[in-house]
């Protein structure tokens, strides 16, 4: 008797966002500096690619005046 082939359900990869720091975090709330570190941003003009998730969107909302965001 032949076995049925199992089909793995593939989930599409989450969309990606490119985030670049454009302003210094000096003089702003310490929580905003922590958010930048959480995103993986290290310095001005540093660019990172992050997944487009609700958690990341919330982090970007807190530091929207310090970064630019581009959809990938």
PDB file of N, CA and C in Angstrom:
ATOM      1  N   UNK A   1       0.840  -1.163   0.000  1.00  0.00           N
ATOM      2  CA  UNK A   1       0.000   0.000   0.000  1.00  0.00           C
ATOM      3  C   UNK A   1       0.897   1.243   0.000  1.00  0.00           C
ATOM      4  N   UNK A   2       0.571   2.198  -0.831  1.00  0.00           N
ATOM      5  CA  UNK A   2       1.382   3.416  -0.954  1.00  0.00           C
ATOM      6  C   UNK A   2       1.014   4.414   0.138  1.00  0.00           C
ATOM      7  N   UNK A   3       2.035   5.060   0.625  1.00  0.00           N
ATOM      8  CA  UNK A   3       1.798   6.081   1.651  1.00  0.00           C
ATOM      9  C   UNK A   3       1.426   7.404   1.005  1.00  0.00           C
ATOM     10  N   UNK A   4       0.566   8.109   1.672  1.00  0.00           N
ATOM     11  CA  UNK A   4       0.182   9.430   1.163  1.00  0.00           C
ATOM     12  C   UNK A   4       1.317  10.408   1.439  1.00  0.00           C
ATOM     13  N   UNK A   5       1.576  11.265   0.489  1.00  0.00           N
ATOM     14  CA  UNK A   5       2.620  12.265   0.676  1.00  0.00           C
ATOM     15  C   UNK A   5       2.098  13.357   1.610  1.00  0.00           C
ATOM     16  N   UNK A   6       2.951  13.759   2.514  1.00  0.00           N
ATOM     17  CA  UNK A   6       2.555  14.844   3.409  1.00  0.00           C
ATOM     18  C   UNK A   6       2.983  16.169   2.777  1.00  0.00           C
ATOM     19  N   UNK A   7       2.094  17.082   2.818  1.00  0.00           N
ATOM     20  CA  UNK A   7       2.363  18.401   2.261  1.00  0.00           C
ATOM     21  C   UNK A   7       2.562  19.360   3.420  1.00  0.00           C
ATOM     22  N   UNK A   8       3.729  19.972   3.461  1.00  0.00           N
ATOM     23  CA  UNK A   8       4.004  20.941   4.516  1.00  0.00           C
ATOM     24  C   UNK A   8       3.428  22.290   4.115  1.00  0.00           C
ATOM     25  N   UNK A   9       2.702  22.856   5.051  1.00  0.00           N
ATOM     26  CA  UNK A   9       2.156  24.183   4.790  1.00  0.00           C
ATOM     27  C   UNK A   9       3.269  25.197   4.991  1.00  0.00           C
ATOM     28  N   UNK A  10       3.532  25.966   3.979  1.00  0.00           N
ATOM     29  CA  UNK A  10       4.577  26.973   4.090  1.00  0.00           C
ATOM     30  C   UNK A  10       3.926  28.323   4.347  1.00  0.00           C
ATOM     31  N   UNK A  11       4.440  28.994   5.319  1.00  0.00           N
ATOM     32  CA  UNK A  11       3.929  30.331   5.597  1.00  0.00           C
ATOM     33  C   UNK A  11       4.827  31.326   4.895  1.00  0.00           C
ATOM     34  N   UNK A  12       4.239  32.339   4.329  1.00  0.00           N
ATOM     35  CA  UNK A  12       5.066  33.315   3.629  1.00  0.00           C
ATOM     36  C   UNK A  12       5.979  34.038   4.619  1.00  0.00           C
ATOM     37  N   UNK A  13       7.152  34.374   4.163  1.00  0.00           N
ATOM     38  CA  UNK A  13       8.099  35.100   5.015  1.00  0.00           C
ATOM     39  C   UNK A  13       7.522  36.476   5.339  1.00  0.00           C
ATOM     40  N   UNK A  14       7.682  36.917   6.578  1.00  0.00           N
ATOM     41  CA  UNK A  14       7.139  38.234   6.916  1.00  0.00           C
ATOM     42  C   UNK A  14       7.846  39.323   6.114  1.00  0.00           C
ATOM     43  N   UNK A  15       7.099  40.376   5.825  1.00  0.00           N
ATOM     44  CA  UNK A  15       7.673  41.503   5.092  1.00  0.00           C
ATOM     45  C   UNK A  15       8.797  42.100   5.922  1.00  0.00           C
ATOM     46  N   UNK A  16       9.717  42.758   5.279  1.00  0.00           N
ATOM     47  CA  UNK A  16      10.870  43.336   5.962  1.00  0.00           C
ATOM     48  C   UNK A  16      10.812  44.860   5.853  1.00  0.00           C
ATOM     49  N   UNK A  17      11.350  45.524   6.873  1.00  0.00           N
ATOM     50  CA  UNK A  17      11.456  46.974   6.893  1.00  0.00           C
ATOM     51  C   UNK A  17      12.923  47.347   7.048  1.00  0.00           C
ATOM     52  N   UNK A  18      13.343  48.383   6.334  1.00  0.00           N
ATOM     53  CA  UNK A  18      14.694  48.892   6.476  1.00  0.00           C
ATOM     54  C   UNK A  18      14.620  50.141   7.333  1.00  0.00           C
ATOM     55  N   UNK A  19      15.335  50.139   8.454  1.00  0.00           N
ATOM     56  CA  UNK A  19      15.291  51.236   9.414  1.00  0.00           C
ATOM     57  C   UNK A  19      16.668  51.867   9.493  1.00  0.00           C
ATOM     58  N   UNK A  20      16.733  53.196   9.360  1.00  0.00           N
ATOM     59  CA  UNK A  20      17.980  53.933   9.423  1.00  0.00           C
ATOM     60  C   UNK A  20      17.854  55.031  10.462  1.00  0.00           C
ATOM     61  N   UNK A  21      18.836  55.136  11.354  1.00  0.00           N
ATOM     62  CA  UNK A  21      18.830  56.219  12.342  1.00  0.00           C
ATOM     63  C   UNK A  21      19.328  57.486  11.673  1.00  0.00           C
ATOM     64  N   UNK A  22      18.579  58.582  11.843  1.00  0.00           N
ATOM     65  CA  UNK A  22      18.953  59.851  11.219  1.00  0.00           C
ATOM     66  C   UNK A  22      19.281  60.937  12.236  1.00  0.00           C
ATOM     67  N   UNK A  23      18.863  60.748  13.492  1.00  0.00           N
ATOM     68  CA  UNK A  23      19.137  61.733  14.532  1.00  0.00           C
ATOM     69  C   UNK A  23      19.704  61.042  15.749  1.00  0.00           C
ATOM     70  N   UNK A  24      20.435  61.807  16.537  1.00  0.00           N
ATOM     71  CA  UNK A  24      21.026  61.281  17.757  1.00  0.00           C
ATOM     72  C   UNK A  24      19.964  61.114  18.832  1.00  0.00           C
ATOM     73  N   UNK A  25      20.162  60.120  19.697  1.00  0.00           N
ATOM     74  CA  UNK A  25      19.241  59.888  20.806  1.00  0.00           C
ATOM     75  C   UNK A  25      19.614  60.721  22.029  1.00  0.00           C
ATOM     76  N   UNK A  26      20.722  61.459  21.955  1.00  0.00           N
ATOM     77  CA  UNK A  26      21.144  62.303  23.075  1.00  0.00           C
ATOM     78  C   UNK A  26      20.104  63.394  23.282  1.00  0.00           C
ATOM     79  N   UNK A  27      19.703  63.588  24.517  1.00  0.00           N
ATOM     80  CA  UNK A  27      18.724  64.626  24.840  1.00  0.00           C
ATOM     81  C   UNK A  27      17.293  64.143  24.795  1.00  0.00           C
ATOM     82  N   UNK A  28      17.093  62.898  24.415  1.00  0.00           N
ATOM     83  CA  UNK A  28      15.749  62.338  24.384  1.00  0.00           C
ATOM     84  C   UNK A  28      15.594  61.352  25.538  1.00  0.00           C
ATOM     85  N   UNK A  29      14.397  60.869  25.723  1.00  0.00           N
ATOM     86  CA  UNK A  29      14.076  59.943  26.792  1.00  0.00           C
ATOM     87  C   UNK A  29      14.958  58.688  26.704  1.00  0.00           C
ATOM     88  N   UNK A  30      15.389  58.186  27.861  1.00  0.00           N
ATOM     89  CA  UNK A  30      16.247  56.999  27.890  1.00  0.00           C
ATOM     90  C   UNK A  30      15.549  55.788  27.286  1.00  0.00           C
ATOM     91  N   UNK A  31      14.232  55.710  27.429  1.00  0.00           N
ATOM     92  CA  UNK A  31      13.487  54.583  26.844  1.00  0.00           C
ATOM     93  C   UNK A  31      13.644  54.548  25.333  1.00  0.00           C
ATOM     94  N   UNK A  32      13.771  55.711  24.714  1.00  0.00           N
ATOM     95  CA  UNK A  32      13.932  55.748  23.266  1.00  0.00           C
ATOM     96  C   UNK A  32      15.299  55.201  22.859  1.00  0.00           C
ATOM     97  N   UNK A  33      16.309  55.448  23.659  1.00  0.00           N
ATOM     98  CA  UNK A  33      17.632  54.892  23.386  1.00  0.00           C
ATOM     99  C   UNK A  33      17.583  53.362  23.509  1.00  0.00           C
ATOM    100  N   UNK A  34      16.843  52.874  24.497  1.00  0.00           N
ATOM    101  CA  UNK A  34      16.704  51.434  24.692  1.00  0.00           C
ATOM    102  C   UNK A  34      15.989  50.806  23.495  1.00  0.00           C
ATOM    103  N   UNK A  35      14.994  51.491  22.955  1.00  0.00           N
ATOM    104  CA  UNK A  35      14.280  50.986  21.779  1.00  0.00           C
ATOM    105  C   UNK A  35      15.224  50.902  20.590  1.00  0.00           C
ATOM    106  N   UNK A  36      16.067  51.913  20.391  1.00  0.00           N
ATOM    107  CA  UNK A  36      17.031  51.867  19.291  1.00  0.00           C
ATOM    108  C   UNK A  36      17.971  50.674  19.444  1.00  0.00           C
ATOM    109  N   UNK A  37      18.415  50.420  20.661  1.00  0.00           N
ATOM    110  CA  UNK A  37      19.276  49.263  20.903  1.00  0.00           C
ATOM    111  C   UNK A  37      18.526  47.964  20.623  1.00  0.00           C
ATOM    112  N   UNK A  38      17.248  47.936  20.983  1.00  0.00           N
ATOM    113  CA  UNK A  38      16.435  46.745  20.732  1.00  0.00           C
ATOM    114  C   UNK A  38      16.243  46.474  19.248  1.00  0.00           C
ATOM    115  N   UNK A  39      16.210  47.533  18.464  1.00  0.00           N
ATOM    116  CA  UNK A  39      16.103  47.380  17.012  1.00  0.00           C
ATOM    117  C   UNK A  39      17.432  46.963  16.386  1.00  0.00           C
ATOM    118  N   UNK A  40      18.518  47.112  17.142  1.00  0.00           N
ATOM    119  CA  UNK A  40      19.834  46.754  16.618  1.00  0.00           C
ATOM    120  C   UNK A  40      20.566  47.915  15.984  1.00  0.00           C
ATOM    121  N   UNK A  41      20.060  49.114  16.188  1.00  0.00           N
ATOM    122  CA  UNK A  41      20.694  50.292  15.606  1.00  0.00           C
ATOM    123  C   UNK A  41      21.794  50.764  16.550  1.00  0.00           C
ATOM    124  N   UNK A  42      22.977  51.055  16.002  1.00  0.00           N
ATOM    125  CA  UNK A  42      24.130  51.397  16.832  1.00  0.00           C
ATOM    126  C   UNK A  42      24.557  52.857  16.745  1.00  0.00           C
ATOM    127  N   UNK A  43      24.339  53.485  15.623  1.00  0.00           N
ATOM    128  CA  UNK A  43      24.840  54.858  15.445  1.00  0.00           C
ATOM    129  C   UNK A  43      24.034  55.551  14.351  1.00  0.00           C
ATOM    130  N   UNK A  44      24.270  56.837  14.185  1.00  0.00           N
ATOM    131  CA  UNK A  44      23.604  57.602  13.132  1.00  0.00           C
ATOM    132  C   UNK A  44      24.045  57.050  11.776  1.00  0.00           C
ATOM    133  N   UNK A  45      23.107  56.971  10.852  1.00  0.00           N
ATOM    134  CA  UNK A  45      23.257  56.422   9.500  1.00  0.00           C
ATOM    135  C   UNK A  45      23.498  54.917   9.487  1.00  0.00           C
ATOM    136  N   UNK A  46      23.254  54.239  10.611  1.00  0.00           N
ATOM    137  CA  UNK A  46      23.327  52.783  10.644  1.00  0.00           C
ATOM    138  C   UNK A  46      21.975  52.238  10.196  1.00  0.00           C
ATOM    139  N   UNK A  47      21.993  51.273   9.307  1.00  0.00           N
ATOM    140  CA  UNK A  47      20.776  50.704   8.747  1.00  0.00           C
ATOM    141  C   UNK A  47      20.649  49.241   9.152  1.00  0.00           C
ATOM    142  N   UNK A  48      19.448  48.861   9.566  1.00  0.00           N
ATOM    143  CA  UNK A  48      19.163  47.462   9.886  1.00  0.00           C
ATOM    144  C   UNK A  48      17.891  47.060   9.171  1.00  0.00           C
ATOM    145  N   UNK A  49      17.763  45.753   8.943  1.00  0.00           N
ATOM    146  CA  UNK A  49      16.561  45.203   8.322  1.00  0.00           C
ATOM    147  C   UNK A  49      15.837  44.385   9.382  1.00  0.00           C
ATOM    148  N   UNK A  50      14.580  44.723   9.633  1.00  0.00           N
ATOM    149  CA  UNK A  50      13.802  44.063  10.685  1.00  0.00           C
ATOM    150  C   UNK A  50      12.504  43.524  10.084  1.00  0.00           C
ATOM    151  N   UNK A  51      11.919  42.495  10.705  1.00  0.00           N
ATOM    152  CA  UNK A  51      10.637  41.989  10.205  1.00  0.00           C
ATOM    153  C   UNK A  51       9.511  42.974  10.493  1.00  0.00           C
ATOM    154  N   UNK A  52       8.526  42.971   9.653  1.00  0.00           N
ATOM    155  CA  UNK A  52       7.371  43.864   9.809  1.00  0.00           C
ATOM    156  C   UNK A  52       6.332  43.170  10.686  1.00  0.00           C
ATOM    157  N   UNK A  53       6.453  43.345  11.995  1.00  0.00           N
ATOM    158  CA  UNK A  53       5.522  42.747  12.951  1.00  0.00           C
ATOM    159  C   UNK A  53       4.899  43.849  13.792  1.00  0.00           C
ATOM    160  N   UNK A  54       3.797  43.582  14.452  1.00  0.00           N
ATOM    161  CA  UNK A  54       3.180  44.601  15.307  1.00  0.00           C
ATOM    162  C   UNK A  54       4.114  45.095  16.414  1.00  0.00           C
ATOM    163  N   UNK A  55       4.940  44.219  16.963  1.00  0.00           N
ATOM    164  CA  UNK A  55       5.867  44.626  18.017  1.00  0.00           C
ATOM    165  C   UNK A  55       6.897  45.623  17.477  1.00  0.00           C
ATOM    166  N   UNK A  56       7.430  45.343  16.312  1.00  0.00           N
ATOM    167  CA  UNK A  56       8.406  46.242  15.698  1.00  0.00           C
ATOM    168  C   UNK A  56       7.742  47.562  15.329  1.00  0.00           C
ATOM    169  N   UNK A  57       6.509  47.495  14.824  1.00  0.00           N
ATOM    170  CA  UNK A  57       5.787  48.727  14.490  1.00  0.00           C
ATOM    171  C   UNK A  57       5.617  49.613  15.724  1.00  0.00           C
ATOM    172  N   UNK A  58       5.335  49.003  16.874  1.00  0.00           N
ATOM    173  CA  UNK A  58       5.208  49.772  18.106  1.00  0.00           C
ATOM    174  C   UNK A  58       6.518  50.405  18.520  1.00  0.00           C
ATOM    175  N   UNK A  59       7.624  49.677  18.324  1.00  0.00           N
ATOM    176  CA  UNK A  59       8.931  50.236  18.644  1.00  0.00           C
ATOM    177  C   UNK A  59       9.248  51.411  17.731  1.00  0.00           C
ATOM    178  N   UNK A  60       8.922  51.270  16.459  1.00  0.00           N
ATOM    179  CA  UNK A  60       9.189  52.347  15.507  1.00  0.00           C
ATOM    180  C   UNK A  60       8.342  53.578  15.806  1.00  0.00           C
ATOM    181  N   UNK A  61       7.151  53.373  16.320  1.00  0.00           N
ATOM    182  CA  UNK A  61       6.288  54.490  16.668  1.00  0.00           C
ATOM    183  C   UNK A  61       6.920  55.336  17.774  1.00  0.00           C
ATOM    184  N   UNK A  62       7.620  54.700  18.718  1.00  0.00           N
ATOM    185  CA  UNK A  62       8.259  55.423  19.816  1.00  0.00           C
ATOM    186  C   UNK A  62       9.437  56.271  19.347  1.00  0.00           C
ATOM    187  N   UNK A  63      10.134  55.843  18.299  1.00  0.00           N
ATOM    188  CA  UNK A  63      11.336  56.561  17.854  1.00  0.00           C
ATOM    189  C   UNK A  63      11.180  57.109  16.437  1.00  0.00           C
ATOM    190  N   UNK A  64       9.965  57.379  16.035  1.00  0.00           N
ATOM    191  CA  UNK A  64       9.719  57.807  14.651  1.00  0.00           C
ATOM    192  C   UNK A  64      10.411  59.116  14.286  1.00  0.00           C
ATOM    193  N   UNK A  65      10.750  59.937  15.278  1.00  0.00           N
ATOM    194  CA  UNK A  65      11.431  61.192  15.020  1.00  0.00           C
ATOM    195  C   UNK A  65      12.947  61.014  14.906  1.00  0.00           C
ATOM    196  N   UNK A  66      13.463  59.819  15.195  1.00  0.00           N
ATOM    197  CA  UNK A  66      14.895  59.550  15.146  1.00  0.00           C
ATOM    198  C   UNK A  66      15.301  58.662  13.974  1.00  0.00           C
ATOM    199  N   UNK A  67      14.336  58.042  13.301  1.00  0.00           N
ATOM    200  CA  UNK A  67      14.650  57.074  12.263  1.00  0.00           C
ATOM    201  C   UNK A  67      13.846  57.339  10.997  1.00  0.00           C
ATOM    202  N   UNK A  68      14.303  56.731   9.908  1.00  0.00           N
ATOM    203  CA  UNK A  68      13.492  56.659   8.690  1.00  0.00           C
ATOM    204  C   UNK A  68      13.215  55.184   8.443  1.00  0.00           C
ATOM    205  N   UNK A  69      12.054  54.904   7.872  1.00  0.00           N
ATOM    206  CA  UNK A  69      11.624  53.530   7.643  1.00  0.00           C
ATOM    207  C   UNK A  69      11.234  53.384   6.183  1.00  0.00           C
ATOM    208  N   UNK A  70      11.758  52.324   5.548  1.00  0.00           N
ATOM    209  CA  UNK A  70      11.416  52.026   4.163  1.00  0.00           C
ATOM    210  C   UNK A  70      10.935  50.581   4.088  1.00  0.00           C
ATOM    211  N   UNK A  71       9.896  50.353   3.326  1.00  0.00           N
ATOM    212  CA  UNK A  71       9.419  48.986   3.115  1.00  0.00           C
ATOM    213  C   UNK A  71      10.349  48.308   2.118  1.00  0.00           C
ATOM    214  N   UNK A  72      10.654  47.072   2.398  1.00  0.00           N
ATOM    215  CA  UNK A  72      11.581  46.332   1.525  1.00  0.00           C
ATOM    216  C   UNK A  72      10.804  45.547   0.519  1.00  0.00           C
TER     217      UNK A  72
END
